[in-house]
């Protein structure tokens, strides 16, 4: 991003910090989306490994599987619902 040369020092610093904050937030959103896609992928693979277990048992095991990998409750519930139904 080209910086304007005619801004006073503090205004220029504020402009640079705002641009950095925007990029940081954008990167965070992208990483969050990638993390969710990866979680759905690994959950689908794990569900296939669990085979013909009853739905309740499969759901319970997948919830624990994702919890051990650091996902939070609301994330886990949505992912398992998407995969198992």
C-alpha atoms as a PDB file:
ATOM      1  CA  UNK A   1       0.000   0.000   0.000  1.00  0.00           C
ATOM      2  CA  UNK A   2       1.591   3.319  -0.997  1.00  0.00           C
ATOM      3  CA  UNK A   3       1.658   5.777   1.879  1.00  0.00           C
ATOM      4  CA  UNK A   4       0.766   9.442   1.419  1.00  0.00           C
ATOM      5  CA  UNK A   5       3.751  11.698   2.098  1.00  0.00           C
ATOM      6  CA  UNK A   6       1.805  14.788   3.167  1.00  0.00           C
ATOM      7  CA  UNK A   7       0.270  13.438   6.398  1.00  0.00           C
ATOM      8  CA  UNK A   8       1.599  14.475   9.823  1.00  0.00           C
ATOM      9  CA  UNK A   9       3.410  11.743  11.761  1.00  0.00           C
ATOM     10  CA  UNK A  10       0.527  10.661  14.020  1.00  0.00           C
ATOM     11  CA  UNK A  11      -1.997  10.577  11.194  1.00  0.00           C
ATOM     12  CA  UNK A  12       0.373   8.457   9.129  1.00  0.00           C
ATOM     13  CA  UNK A  13       0.864   6.075  12.065  1.00  0.00           C
ATOM     14  CA  UNK A  14      -2.904   5.800  12.539  1.00  0.00           C
ATOM     15  CA  UNK A  15      -3.366   5.040   8.834  1.00  0.00           C
ATOM     16  CA  UNK A  16      -0.713   2.319   8.893  1.00  0.00           C
ATOM     17  CA  UNK A  17      -2.143   0.762  12.074  1.00  0.00           C
ATOM     18  CA  UNK A  18      -5.655   0.751  10.594  1.00  0.00           C
ATOM     19  CA  UNK A  19      -4.387  -1.004   7.460  1.00  0.00           C
ATOM     20  CA  UNK A  20      -2.567  -3.601   9.569  1.00  0.00           C
ATOM     21  CA  UNK A  21      -5.653  -4.216  11.712  1.00  0.00           C
ATOM     22  CA  UNK A  22      -7.771  -4.722   8.592  1.00  0.00           C
ATOM     23  CA  UNK A  23      -5.314  -7.257   7.152  1.00  0.00           C
ATOM     24  CA  UNK A  24      -5.063  -9.056  10.489  1.00  0.00           C
ATOM     25  CA  UNK A  25      -8.851  -9.379  10.758  1.00  0.00           C
ATOM     26  CA  UNK A  26      -9.070 -10.577   7.167  1.00  0.00           C
ATOM     27  CA  UNK A  27      -6.376 -13.192   7.764  1.00  0.00           C
ATOM     28  CA  UNK A  28      -8.180 -14.353  10.908  1.00  0.00           C
ATOM     29  CA  UNK A  29     -11.418 -14.886   8.995  1.00  0.00           C
ATOM     30  CA  UNK A  30      -9.610 -16.849   6.298  1.00  0.00           C
ATOM     31  CA  UNK A  31      -7.848 -19.050   8.853  1.00  0.00           C
ATOM     32  CA  UNK A  32     -11.142 -19.675  10.652  1.00  0.00           C
ATOM     33  CA  UNK A  33     -12.806 -20.814   7.436  1.00  0.00           C
ATOM     34  CA  UNK A  34      -9.906 -23.132   6.611  1.00  0.00           C
ATOM     35  CA  UNK A  35      -9.972 -24.586  10.107  1.00  0.00           C
ATOM     36  CA  UNK A  36     -13.678 -25.394   9.841  1.00  0.00           C
ATOM     37  CA  UNK A  37     -13.243 -27.042   6.443  1.00  0.00           C
ATOM     38  CA  UNK A  38     -10.403 -29.150   7.813  1.00  0.00           C
ATOM     39  CA  UNK A  39     -12.518 -30.125  10.829  1.00  0.00           C
ATOM     40  CA  UNK A  40     -15.363 -31.286   8.570  1.00  0.00           C
ATOM     41  CA  UNK A  41     -12.858 -33.257   6.504  1.00  0.00           C
ATOM     42  CA  UNK A  42     -11.269 -35.074   9.456  1.00  0.00           C
ATOM     43  CA  UNK A  43     -14.677 -35.684  11.038  1.00  0.00           C
ATOM     44  CA  UNK A  44     -15.952 -37.258   7.819  1.00  0.00           C
ATOM     45  CA  UNK A  45     -12.912 -39.526   7.682  1.00  0.00           C
ATOM     46  CA  UNK A  46     -13.337 -40.520  11.324  1.00  0.00           C
ATOM     47  CA  UNK A  47     -17.066 -41.163  10.825  1.00  0.00           C
ATOM     48  CA  UNK A  48     -16.240 -43.526   7.973  1.00  0.00           C
ATOM     49  CA  UNK A  49     -13.788 -45.378  10.239  1.00  0.00           C
ATOM     50  CA  UNK A  50     -16.506 -45.823  12.847  1.00  0.00           C
ATOM     51  CA  UNK A  51     -18.535 -47.787  10.326  1.00  0.00           C
ATOM     52  CA  UNK A  52     -22.010 -48.998  11.260  1.00  0.00           C
ATOM     53  CA  UNK A  53     -22.111 -47.884  14.881  1.00  0.00           C
ATOM     54  CA  UNK A  54     -25.499 -46.647  16.067  1.00  0.00           C
ATOM     55  CA  UNK A  55     -26.006 -42.956  15.305  1.00  0.00           C
ATOM     56  CA  UNK A  56     -25.895 -41.931  18.996  1.00  0.00           C
ATOM     57  CA  UNK A  57     -22.612 -43.764  19.618  1.00  0.00           C
ATOM     58  CA  UNK A  58     -21.046 -42.356  16.460  1.00  0.00           C
ATOM     59  CA  UNK A  59     -22.156 -38.837  17.391  1.00  0.00           C
ATOM     60  CA  UNK A  60     -20.778 -39.182  20.934  1.00  0.00           C
ATOM     61  CA  UNK A  61     -17.412 -40.461  19.683  1.00  0.00           C
ATOM     62  CA  UNK A  62     -17.096 -37.724  17.075  1.00  0.00           C
ATOM     63  CA  UNK A  63     -17.901 -35.048  19.661  1.00  0.00           C
ATOM     64  CA  UNK A  64     -15.125 -36.376  21.906  1.00  0.00           C
ATOM     65  CA  UNK A  65     -12.746 -36.701  18.940  1.00  0.00           C
ATOM     66  CA  UNK A  66     -13.114 -33.031  18.012  1.00  0.00           C
ATOM     67  CA  UNK A  67     -12.971 -31.886  21.651  1.00  0.00           C
ATOM     68  CA  UNK A  68      -9.611 -33.622  22.056  1.00  0.00           C
ATOM     69  CA  UNK A  69      -8.386 -31.649  19.048  1.00  0.00           C
ATOM     70  CA  UNK A  70      -9.245 -28.296  20.627  1.00  0.00           C
ATOM     71  CA  UNK A  71     -12.530 -27.381  18.993  1.00  0.00           C
ATOM     72  CA  UNK A  72     -15.176 -25.630  21.093  1.00  0.00           C
ATOM     73  CA  UNK A  73     -18.684 -26.818  21.905  1.00  0.00           C
ATOM     74  CA  UNK A  74     -20.619 -24.775  19.365  1.00  0.00           C
ATOM     75  CA  UNK A  75     -18.166 -25.617  16.588  1.00  0.00           C
ATOM     76  CA  UNK A  76     -18.239 -29.304  17.454  1.00  0.00           C
ATOM     77  CA  UNK A  77     -22.011 -29.545  17.523  1.00  0.00           C
ATOM     78  CA  UNK A  78     -22.424 -27.896  14.124  1.00  0.00           C
ATOM     79  CA  UNK A  79     -19.694 -30.001  12.492  1.00  0.00           C
ATOM     80  CA  UNK A  80     -20.976 -33.319  13.847  1.00  0.00           C
ATOM     81  CA  UNK A  81     -24.542 -32.406  12.850  1.00  0.00           C
ATOM     82  CA  UNK A  82     -23.310 -31.654   9.328  1.00  0.00           C
ATOM     83  CA  UNK A  83     -21.421 -34.949   9.065  1.00  0.00           C
ATOM     84  CA  UNK A  84     -23.717 -37.380  10.914  1.00  0.00           C
ATOM     85  CA  UNK A  85     -27.011 -35.596  10.498  1.00  0.00           C
END
